[in-house]
Protein backbone atom coordinates (compact mmCIF):
# COMPACT_ATOMS: atom_id res chain seq x y z
CA MET A 1 13.46 12.40 9.13
CA GLN A 2 12.38 11.84 5.05
CA LYS A 3 13.95 11.69 1.72
CA ILE A 4 12.95 10.50 -1.50
CA VAL A 5 14.34 7.59 -3.53
CA GLN A 6 13.67 6.87 -6.38
CA LEU A 7 13.04 3.30 -7.30
CA VAL A 8 12.12 3.18 -10.93
CA PRO A 9 11.41 5.25 -13.33
CA ASN A 10 8.31 6.99 -12.08
CA ILE A 11 7.71 5.58 -8.88
CA PHE A 12 9.18 7.55 -5.32
CA LEU A 13 9.16 5.97 -2.46
CA LYS A 14 9.13 8.89 0.77
CA LYS A 15 11.83 6.47 2.86
CA GLU A 16 11.40 6.68 6.61
CA LEU A 17 13.22 4.89 9.51
CA SER A 18 10.76 2.33 10.72
CA PRO A 19 11.36 -1.14 12.61
CA THR A 20 11.95 -3.96 10.05
CA PHE A 21 7.87 -5.03 9.71
CA THR A 22 6.08 -8.72 9.34
CA SER A 23 2.49 -8.02 8.41
CA ILE A 24 0.76 -6.50 5.19
CA LEU A 25 -2.96 -6.04 4.37
CA ILE A 26 -3.85 -6.10 1.21
CA ILE A 27 -7.31 -3.70 0.09
CA ASP A 28 -8.70 -4.25 -3.28
CA ASP A 29 -11.86 -5.27 -4.51
CA ALA A 30 -10.59 -7.53 -7.49
CA ALA A 31 -10.16 -11.63 -6.40
CA LEU A 32 -8.11 -11.85 -9.00
CA VAL A 33 -5.26 -8.66 -7.67
CA LEU A 34 -5.93 -9.79 -4.37
CA THR A 35 -4.41 -13.97 -5.29
CA ARG A 36 -1.74 -12.03 -7.65
CA MET A 37 -0.71 -9.56 -4.51
CA GLN A 38 -0.65 -12.98 -2.17
CA GLN A 39 1.40 -14.81 -4.48
CA ILE A 40 3.59 -12.18 -5.21
CA LEU A 41 4.14 -11.63 -0.88
CA GLN A 42 4.72 -15.56 -0.60
CA GLU A 43 8.09 -15.31 -2.19
CA LEU A 44 9.17 -12.61 0.85
CA SER A 45 10.75 -14.55 3.36
CA PHE A 46 10.28 -11.49 6.27
CA ILE A 47 6.98 -11.06 5.96
CA THR A 48 4.92 -13.31 7.91
CA THR A 49 1.29 -12.56 7.84
CA VAL A 50 -0.92 -10.70 5.28
CA HIS A 51 -4.31 -9.67 5.56
CA THR A 52 -7.37 -8.98 2.83
CA ALA A 53 -10.25 -6.60 3.12
CA ILE A 54 -11.90 -6.11 -0.20
CA SER A 55 -13.83 -2.94 1.31
CA TYR A 56 -13.83 0.52 3.46
CA THR A 57 -15.75 -1.44 6.26
CA THR A 58 -13.49 -4.53 6.33
CA ALA A 59 -10.29 -2.59 5.90
CA ILE A 60 -10.85 -0.48 8.25
CA GLU A 61 -11.66 -3.34 10.96
CA CYS A 62 -8.50 -5.45 9.76
CA ILE A 63 -6.77 -1.98 9.97
CA GLU A 64 -7.75 -1.71 13.95
CA LEU A 65 -7.51 -5.75 14.53
CA HIS A 66 -4.45 -6.40 13.23
CA LYS A 67 -2.38 -2.94 12.78
CA PRO A 68 -0.72 -3.81 9.76
CA HIS A 69 2.84 -2.63 9.03
CA ILE A 70 2.76 -1.74 5.47
CA ILE A 71 -0.88 -1.58 3.61
CA LEU A 72 -0.80 -2.09 -0.30
CA LEU A 73 -4.29 -0.07 -1.47
CA ASP A 74 -5.96 0.53 -4.07
CA ILE A 75 -7.99 3.62 -5.15
CA MET A 76 -11.79 2.69 -6.38
CA LEU A 77 -13.33 0.00 -3.74
CA GLY A 78 -17.19 0.98 -4.27
CA GLU A 79 -18.39 2.55 -1.64
CA LYS A 80 -15.70 4.48 -0.33
CA ASN A 81 -12.53 5.10 -1.91
CA GLY A 82 -8.80 4.49 -0.82
CA ILE A 83 -8.21 8.66 -0.15
CA ASP A 84 -10.67 7.55 3.04
CA ILE A 85 -8.45 4.43 4.11
CA LEU A 86 -5.51 6.36 3.59
CA LEU A 87 -7.00 9.77 5.88
CA PHE A 88 -7.56 7.45 7.88
CA VAL A 89 -4.73 5.79 8.80
CA LYS A 90 -2.09 8.39 8.21
CA GLN A 91 -4.54 9.88 11.48
CA HIS A 92 -5.01 6.92 13.68
CA TYR A 93 -1.06 4.82 12.27
CA PRO A 94 1.26 7.15 11.32
CA LEU A 95 3.83 4.80 11.23
CA THR A 96 2.03 2.62 9.19
CA LYS A 97 3.14 2.80 5.40
CA VAL A 98 0.92 2.59 2.43
CA ILE A 99 1.83 1.87 -0.81
CA ILE A 100 -1.29 2.75 -3.35
CA VAL A 101 -1.56 0.53 -6.25
CA SER A 102 -4.32 1.35 -8.64
CA ASN A 103 -4.55 1.27 -12.65
CA LYS A 104 -5.46 5.17 -12.25
CA ALA A 105 -2.10 5.89 -12.21
CA THR A 106 -2.95 8.90 -14.28
CA SER A 107 -0.52 12.85 -12.89
CA TYR A 108 -3.24 13.59 -10.61
CA TYR A 109 -3.63 10.62 -8.87
CA ARG A 110 -0.40 10.45 -7.85
CA ARG A 111 0.56 13.62 -6.14
CA LEU A 112 -3.36 13.60 -3.98
CA PHE A 113 -2.20 10.36 -2.81
CA CYS A 114 1.85 11.04 -2.31
CA ASP A 115 0.38 14.73 -1.18
CA ASN A 116 -1.65 12.56 1.35
CA GLY A 117 0.48 10.84 3.26
CA ALA A 118 0.96 7.79 0.29
CA ASP A 119 4.20 6.58 0.99
CA ALA A 120 4.60 5.18 -2.77
CA PHE A 121 2.68 4.48 -5.56
CA VAL A 122 2.93 1.35 -8.40
CA ASP A 123 0.46 1.36 -11.56
CA LYS A 124 -1.25 -1.99 -11.55
CA SER A 125 -0.69 -2.32 -15.40
CA LYS A 126 2.73 -1.02 -15.47
CA GLU A 127 4.67 -1.47 -12.09
CA PHE A 128 3.06 -4.57 -10.57
CA GLU A 129 6.67 -7.01 -10.35
CA THR A 130 7.94 -3.77 -8.65
CA LEU A 131 6.04 -4.71 -5.60
CA PRO A 132 9.22 -6.69 -3.95
CA GLU A 133 10.84 -3.83 -4.78
CA ILE A 134 9.36 -1.34 -3.29
CA ILE A 135 8.15 -2.96 -0.09
CA LYS A 136 11.97 -3.73 0.58
CA ALA A 137 12.70 -0.40 0.74
CA CYS A 138 9.89 0.53 2.84
CA LEU A 139 11.63 -0.97 5.60
């Protein structure tokens, strides 16, 4: 069963009933963004593990090794992009929640990623501080 939840203007989330999670994987090739996301996540008491990956290859390895409950995924990663990772996750780990966190927040990218299974989309430049609220909504 799915329902669409609007958290703040222009942020929509497909919500399904799922077990409580404890692990998150952040996939982003910008060190500053990784650091900031880790700081935000440290404030959430229900998260016990945060892993990071900076490329498609390390992301796939982390996903298969750690099987995170939620993935925070950037669109642009260098050798491949976030859509490749999203499709991999939704094919092999369909219960894993994927939140896209990107500066490329045009309606084209929002639709592309949501149509391919993303559970939420966050504009890094305008909605970054809403991550805790969105993560909680994914529970």
